[in-house]
């Protein structure tokens, strides 16, 4: 980390490139996490709908 004044354009360019690379990596990681979260949400919804349908079918079959 650099805390003083800089007068080296190469230093600035390398720091800028490192920061942009980190931002890109974090955006990719966030995108993967959102995909995983949405997949789990779909799985949970499917399980809920299955259980709801199974309960309704069981009630209709048994006649409770």
PDB file of N, CA and C in Angstrom:
ATOM      1  N   UNK A   1       0.861  -1.182   0.000  1.00  0.00           N
ATOM      2  CA  UNK A   1       0.000   0.000   0.000  1.00  0.00           C
ATOM      3  C   UNK A   1       0.890   1.221   0.000  1.00  0.00           C
ATOM      4  N   UNK A   2       0.534   2.179  -0.789  1.00  0.00           N
ATOM      5  CA  UNK A   2       1.312   3.409  -0.936  1.00  0.00           C
ATOM      6  C   UNK A   2       0.527   4.549  -0.323  1.00  0.00           C
ATOM      7  N   UNK A   3       1.143   5.317   0.558  1.00  0.00           N
ATOM      8  CA  UNK A   3       0.412   6.369   1.259  1.00  0.00           C
ATOM      9  C   UNK A   3       0.902   7.778   0.951  1.00  0.00           C
ATOM     10  N   UNK A   4       1.989   7.918   0.228  1.00  0.00           N
ATOM     11  CA  UNK A   4       2.517   9.258  -0.061  1.00  0.00           C
ATOM     12  C   UNK A   4       2.210   9.686  -1.479  1.00  0.00           C
ATOM     13  N   UNK A   5       2.826  10.777  -1.878  1.00  0.00           N
ATOM     14  CA  UNK A   5       2.673  11.255  -3.246  1.00  0.00           C
ATOM     15  C   UNK A   5       3.460  10.336  -4.170  1.00  0.00           C
ATOM     16  N   UNK A   6       2.990  10.177  -5.359  1.00  0.00           N
ATOM     17  CA  UNK A   6       3.735   9.352  -6.310  1.00  0.00           C
ATOM     18  C   UNK A   6       4.047  10.182  -7.540  1.00  0.00           C
ATOM     19  N   UNK A   7       5.175   9.907  -8.118  1.00  0.00           N
ATOM     20  CA  UNK A   7       5.544  10.577  -9.354  1.00  0.00           C
ATOM     21  C   UNK A   7       6.039   9.568 -10.390  1.00  0.00           C
ATOM     22  N   UNK A   8       5.622   8.312 -10.202  1.00  0.00           N
ATOM     23  CA  UNK A   8       6.016   7.252 -11.125  1.00  0.00           C
ATOM     24  C   UNK A   8       4.764   6.729 -11.824  1.00  0.00           C
ATOM     25  N   UNK A   9       4.575   7.073 -13.089  1.00  0.00           N
ATOM     26  CA  UNK A   9       3.384   6.612 -13.814  1.00  0.00           C
ATOM     27  C   UNK A   9       3.299   5.085 -13.899  1.00  0.00           C
ATOM     28  N   UNK A  10       4.428   4.422 -13.927  1.00  0.00           N
ATOM     29  CA  UNK A  10       4.416   2.956 -13.992  1.00  0.00           C
ATOM     30  C   UNK A  10       3.827   2.371 -12.713  1.00  0.00           C
ATOM     31  N   UNK A  11       4.162   2.979 -11.567  1.00  0.00           N
ATOM     32  CA  UNK A  11       3.606   2.521 -10.292  1.00  0.00           C
ATOM     33  C   UNK A  11       2.093   2.685 -10.296  1.00  0.00           C
ATOM     34  N   UNK A  12       1.627   3.857 -10.725  1.00  0.00           N
ATOM     35  CA  UNK A  12       0.190   4.114 -10.780  1.00  0.00           C
ATOM     36  C   UNK A  12      -0.504   3.111 -11.692  1.00  0.00           C
ATOM     37  N   UNK A  13       0.064   2.854 -12.854  1.00  0.00           N
ATOM     38  CA  UNK A  13      -0.541   1.916 -13.813  1.00  0.00           C
ATOM     39  C   UNK A  13      -0.601   0.512 -13.234  1.00  0.00           C
ATOM     40  N   UNK A  14       0.463   0.081 -12.556  1.00  0.00           N
ATOM     41  CA  UNK A  14       0.455  -1.270 -11.994  1.00  0.00           C
ATOM     42  C   UNK A  14      -0.559  -1.385 -10.856  1.00  0.00           C
ATOM     43  N   UNK A  15      -0.690  -0.367 -10.034  1.00  0.00           N
ATOM     44  CA  UNK A  15      -1.685  -0.366  -8.955  1.00  0.00           C
ATOM     45  C   UNK A  15      -3.104  -0.361  -9.527  1.00  0.00           C
ATOM     46  N   UNK A  16      -3.310   0.437 -10.549  1.00  0.00           N
ATOM     47  CA  UNK A  16      -4.626   0.499 -11.187  1.00  0.00           C
ATOM     48  C   UNK A  16      -4.982  -0.860 -11.787  1.00  0.00           C
ATOM     49  N   UNK A  17      -4.035  -1.499 -12.440  1.00  0.00           N
ATOM     50  CA  UNK A  17      -4.272  -2.813 -13.031  1.00  0.00           C
ATOM     51  C   UNK A  17      -4.583  -3.855 -11.955  1.00  0.00           C
ATOM     52  N   UNK A  18      -3.877  -3.799 -10.839  1.00  0.00           N
ATOM     53  CA  UNK A  18      -4.119  -4.744  -9.741  1.00  0.00           C
ATOM     54  C   UNK A  18      -5.516  -4.550  -9.160  1.00  0.00           C
ATOM     55  N   UNK A  19      -5.914  -3.307  -8.994  1.00  0.00           N
ATOM     56  CA  UNK A  19      -7.241  -3.017  -8.435  1.00  0.00           C
ATOM     57  C   UNK A  19      -8.343  -3.452  -9.405  1.00  0.00           C
ATOM     58  N   UNK A  20      -8.171  -3.163 -10.686  1.00  0.00           N
ATOM     59  CA  UNK A  20      -9.172  -3.571 -11.675  1.00  0.00           C
ATOM     60  C   UNK A  20      -9.258  -5.094 -11.762  1.00  0.00           C
ATOM     61  N   UNK A  21      -8.148  -5.768 -11.620  1.00  0.00           N
ATOM     62  CA  UNK A  21      -8.143  -7.226 -11.625  1.00  0.00           C
ATOM     63  C   UNK A  21      -8.901  -7.770 -10.414  1.00  0.00           C
ATOM     64  N   UNK A  22      -8.679  -7.170  -9.257  1.00  0.00           N
ATOM     65  CA  UNK A  22      -9.380  -7.587  -8.031  1.00  0.00           C
ATOM     66  C   UNK A  22     -10.881  -7.335  -8.155  1.00  0.00           C
ATOM     67  N   UNK A  23     -11.262  -6.210  -8.721  1.00  0.00           N
ATOM     68  CA  UNK A  23     -12.684  -5.899  -8.928  1.00  0.00           C
ATOM     69  C   UNK A  23     -13.316  -6.940  -9.846  1.00  0.00           C
ATOM     70  N   UNK A  24     -12.629  -7.270 -10.921  1.00  0.00           N
ATOM     71  CA  UNK A  24     -13.147  -8.268 -11.856  1.00  0.00           C
ATOM     72  C   UNK A  24     -13.304  -9.628 -11.177  1.00  0.00           C
ATOM     73  N   UNK A  25     -12.315 -10.028 -10.377  1.00  0.00           N
ATOM     74  CA  UNK A  25     -12.379 -11.302  -9.664  1.00  0.00           C
ATOM     75  C   UNK A  25     -13.555 -11.322  -8.695  1.00  0.00           C
ATOM     76  N   UNK A  26     -13.744 -10.218  -7.968  1.00  0.00           N
ATOM     77  CA  UNK A  26     -14.848 -10.141  -7.011  1.00  0.00           C
ATOM     78  C   UNK A  26     -16.209 -10.155  -7.711  1.00  0.00           C
ATOM     79  N   UNK A  27     -16.304  -9.498  -8.852  1.00  0.00           N
ATOM     80  CA  UNK A  27     -17.560  -9.524  -9.603  1.00  0.00           C
ATOM     81  C   UNK A  27     -17.883 -10.934 -10.087  1.00  0.00           C
ATOM     82  N   UNK A  28     -16.864 -11.657 -10.554  1.00  0.00           N
ATOM     83  CA  UNK A  28     -17.069 -13.049 -10.975  1.00  0.00           C
ATOM     84  C   UNK A  28     -17.503 -13.916  -9.801  1.00  0.00           C
ATOM     85  N   UNK A  29     -16.855 -13.710  -8.665  1.00  0.00           N
ATOM     86  CA  UNK A  29     -17.206 -14.480  -7.461  1.00  0.00           C
ATOM     87  C   UNK A  29     -18.643 -14.189  -7.028  1.00  0.00           C
ATOM     88  N   UNK A  30     -19.025 -12.928  -7.081  1.00  0.00           N
ATOM     89  CA  UNK A  30     -20.395 -12.547  -6.731  1.00  0.00           C
ATOM     90  C   UNK A  30     -21.401 -13.169  -7.692  1.00  0.00           C
ATOM     91  N   UNK A  31     -21.068 -13.185  -8.961  1.00  0.00           N
ATOM     92  CA  UNK A  31     -21.950 -13.775  -9.956  1.00  0.00           C
ATOM     93  C   UNK A  31     -22.142 -15.268  -9.701  1.00  0.00           C
ATOM     94  N   UNK A  32     -21.058 -15.969  -9.386  1.00  0.00           N
ATOM     95  CA  UNK A  32     -21.167 -17.401  -9.079  1.00  0.00           C
ATOM     96  C   UNK A  32     -22.003 -17.618  -7.823  1.00  0.00           C
ATOM     97  N   UNK A  33     -21.813 -16.772  -6.816  1.00  0.00           N
ATOM     98  CA  UNK A  33     -22.589 -16.910  -5.576  1.00  0.00           C
ATOM     99  C   UNK A  33     -24.076 -16.673  -5.841  1.00  0.00           C
ATOM    100  N   UNK A  34     -24.395 -15.709  -6.684  1.00  0.00           N
ATOM    101  CA  UNK A  34     -25.805 -15.443  -7.011  1.00  0.00           C
ATOM    102  C   UNK A  34     -26.412 -16.613  -7.774  1.00  0.00           C
ATOM    103  N   UNK A  35     -25.647 -17.213  -8.664  1.00  0.00           N
ATOM    104  CA  UNK A  35     -26.135 -18.379  -9.403  1.00  0.00           C
ATOM    105  C   UNK A  35     -26.428 -19.526  -8.450  1.00  0.00           C
ATOM    106  N   UNK A  36     -25.518 -19.771  -7.523  1.00  0.00           N
ATOM    107  CA  UNK A  36     -25.714 -20.837  -6.539  1.00  0.00           C
ATOM    108  C   UNK A  36     -26.942 -20.549  -5.678  1.00  0.00           C
ATOM    109  N   UNK A  37     -27.096 -19.302  -5.239  1.00  0.00           N
ATOM    110  CA  UNK A  37     -28.246 -18.938  -4.408  1.00  0.00           C
ATOM    111  C   UNK A  37     -29.553 -19.142  -5.175  1.00  0.00           C
ATOM    112  N   UNK A  38     -29.576 -18.744  -6.426  1.00  0.00           N
ATOM    113  CA  UNK A  38     -30.794 -18.916  -7.225  1.00  0.00           C
ATOM    114  C   UNK A  38     -31.089 -20.390  -7.466  1.00  0.00           C
ATOM    115  N   UNK A  39     -30.043 -21.187  -7.686  1.00  0.00           N
ATOM    116  CA  UNK A  39     -30.249 -22.628  -7.859  1.00  0.00           C
ATOM    117  C   UNK A  39     -30.858 -23.233  -6.600  1.00  0.00           C
ATOM    118  N   UNK A  40     -30.337 -22.853  -5.430  1.00  0.00           N
ATOM    119  CA  UNK A  40     -30.872 -23.391  -4.169  1.00  0.00           C
ATOM    120  C   UNK A  40     -32.301 -22.925  -3.934  1.00  0.00           C
ATOM    121  N   UNK A  41     -32.586 -21.699  -4.326  1.00  0.00           N
ATOM    122  CA  UNK A  41     -33.954 -21.197  -4.186  1.00  0.00           C
ATOM    123  C   UNK A  41     -34.905 -22.025  -5.043  1.00  0.00           C
ATOM    124  N   UNK A  42     -34.494 -22.350  -6.259  1.00  0.00           N
ATOM    125  CA  UNK A  42     -35.319 -23.180  -7.136  1.00  0.00           C
ATOM    126  C   UNK A  42     -35.503 -24.585  -6.567  1.00  0.00           C
ATOM    127  N   UNK A  43     -34.438 -25.152  -6.022  1.00  0.00           N
ATOM    128  CA  UNK A  43     -34.524 -26.482  -5.422  1.00  0.00           C
ATOM    129  C   UNK A  43     -35.483 -26.472  -4.233  1.00  0.00           C
ATOM    130  N   UNK A  44     -35.358 -25.470  -3.380  1.00  0.00           N
ATOM    131  CA  UNK A  44     -36.246 -25.369  -2.219  1.00  0.00           C
ATOM    132  C   UNK A  44     -37.696 -25.208  -2.656  1.00  0.00           C
ATOM    133  N   UNK A  45     -37.928 -24.398  -3.670  1.00  0.00           N
ATOM    134  CA  UNK A  45     -39.284 -24.205  -4.175  1.00  0.00           C
ATOM    135  C   UNK A  45     -39.843 -25.508  -4.735  1.00  0.00           C
ATOM    136  N   UNK A  46     -39.022 -26.231  -5.492  1.00  0.00           N
ATOM    137  CA  UNK A  46     -39.472 -27.515  -6.040  1.00  0.00           C
ATOM    138  C   UNK A  46     -39.814 -28.508  -4.924  1.00  0.00           C
ATOM    139  N   UNK A  47     -38.990 -28.553  -3.881  1.00  0.00           N
ATOM    140  CA  UNK A  47     -39.246 -29.464  -2.758  1.00  0.00           C
ATOM    141  C   UNK A  47     -40.543 -29.077  -2.044  1.00  0.00           C
ATOM    142  N   UNK A  48     -40.758 -27.786  -1.847  1.00  0.00           N
ATOM    143  CA  UNK A  48     -41.984 -27.323  -1.200  1.00  0.00           C
ATOM    144  C   UNK A  48     -43.205 -27.690  -2.033  1.00  0.00           C
ATOM    145  N   UNK A  49     -43.125 -27.450  -3.335  1.00  0.00           N
ATOM    146  CA  UNK A  49     -44.265 -27.761  -4.197  1.00  0.00           C
ATOM    147  C   UNK A  49     -44.538 -29.264  -4.213  1.00  0.00           C
ATOM    148  N   UNK A  50     -43.476 -30.082  -4.222  1.00  0.00           N
ATOM    149  CA  UNK A  50     -43.654 -31.526  -4.175  1.00  0.00           C
ATOM    150  C   UNK A  50     -44.353 -31.936  -2.882  1.00  0.00           C
ATOM    151  N   UNK A  51     -43.878 -31.397  -1.745  1.00  0.00           N
ATOM    152  CA  UNK A  51     -44.466 -31.758  -0.453  1.00  0.00           C
ATOM    153  C   UNK A  51     -45.922 -31.305  -0.382  1.00  0.00           C
ATOM    154  N   UNK A  52     -46.200 -30.133  -0.894  1.00  0.00           N
ATOM    155  CA  UNK A  52     -47.573 -29.623  -0.884  1.00  0.00           C
ATOM    156  C   UNK A  52     -48.489 -30.507  -1.725  1.00  0.00           C
ATOM    157  N   UNK A  53     -48.025 -30.878  -2.910  1.00  0.00           N
ATOM    158  CA  UNK A  53     -48.812 -31.737  -3.784  1.00  0.00           C
ATOM    159  C   UNK A  53     -48.987 -33.128  -3.170  1.00  0.00           C
ATOM    160  N   UNK A  54     -47.909 -33.648  -2.571  1.00  0.00           N
ATOM    161  CA  UNK A  54     -47.981 -34.976  -1.952  1.00  0.00           C
ATOM    162  C   UNK A  54     -48.977 -34.978  -0.795  1.00  0.00           C
ATOM    163  N   UNK A  55     -48.971 -33.906  -0.003  1.00  0.00           N
ATOM    164  CA  UNK A  55     -49.912 -33.824   1.117  1.00  0.00           C
ATOM    165  C   UNK A  55     -51.344 -33.785   0.591  1.00  0.00           C
ATOM    166  N   UNK A  56     -51.568 -32.990  -0.428  1.00  0.00           N
ATOM    167  CA  UNK A  56     -52.918 -32.875  -0.993  1.00  0.00           C
ATOM    168  C   UNK A  56     -53.367 -34.214  -1.581  1.00  0.00           C
ATOM    169  N   UNK A  57     -52.468 -34.878  -2.280  1.00  0.00           N
ATOM    170  CA  UNK A  57     -52.787 -36.176  -2.866  1.00  0.00           C
ATOM    171  C   UNK A  57     -53.081 -37.200  -1.779  1.00  0.00           C
ATOM    172  N   UNK A  58     -52.291 -37.183  -0.730  1.00  0.00           N
ATOM    173  CA  UNK A  58     -52.494 -38.121   0.375  1.00  0.00           C
ATOM    174  C   UNK A  58     -53.844 -37.870   1.043  1.00  0.00           C
ATOM    175  N   UNK A  59     -54.179 -36.629   1.272  1.00  0.00           N
ATOM    176  CA  UNK A  59     -55.458 -36.293   1.896  1.00  0.00           C
ATOM    177  C   UNK A  59     -56.611 -36.737   0.996  1.00  0.00           C
ATOM    178  N   UNK A  60     -56.501 -36.516  -0.295  1.00  0.00           N
ATOM    179  CA  UNK A  60     -57.560 -36.910  -1.224  1.00  0.00           C
ATOM    180  C   UNK A  60     -57.668 -38.447  -1.315  1.00  0.00           C
ATOM    181  N   UNK A  61     -56.528 -39.129  -1.229  1.00  0.00           N
ATOM    182  CA  UNK A  61     -56.515 -40.583  -1.337  1.00  0.00           C
ATOM    183  C   UNK A  61     -57.087 -41.229  -0.082  1.00  0.00           C
ATOM    184  N   UNK A  62     -56.667 -40.742   1.088  1.00  0.00           N
ATOM    185  CA  UNK A  62     -57.119 -41.316   2.359  1.00  0.00           C
ATOM    186  C   UNK A  62     -58.524 -40.823   2.684  1.00  0.00           C
ATOM    187  N   UNK A  63     -58.834 -39.614   2.304  1.00  0.00           N
ATOM    188  CA  UNK A  63     -60.147 -39.052   2.563  1.00  0.00           C
ATOM    189  C   UNK A  63     -60.253 -38.434   3.946  1.00  0.00           C
ATOM    190  N   UNK A  64     -59.175 -37.885   4.439  1.00  0.00           N
ATOM    191  CA  UNK A  64     -59.173 -37.304   5.777  1.00  0.00           C
ATOM    192  C   UNK A  64     -59.851 -35.975   5.844  1.00  0.00           C
TER     193      UNK A  64
END
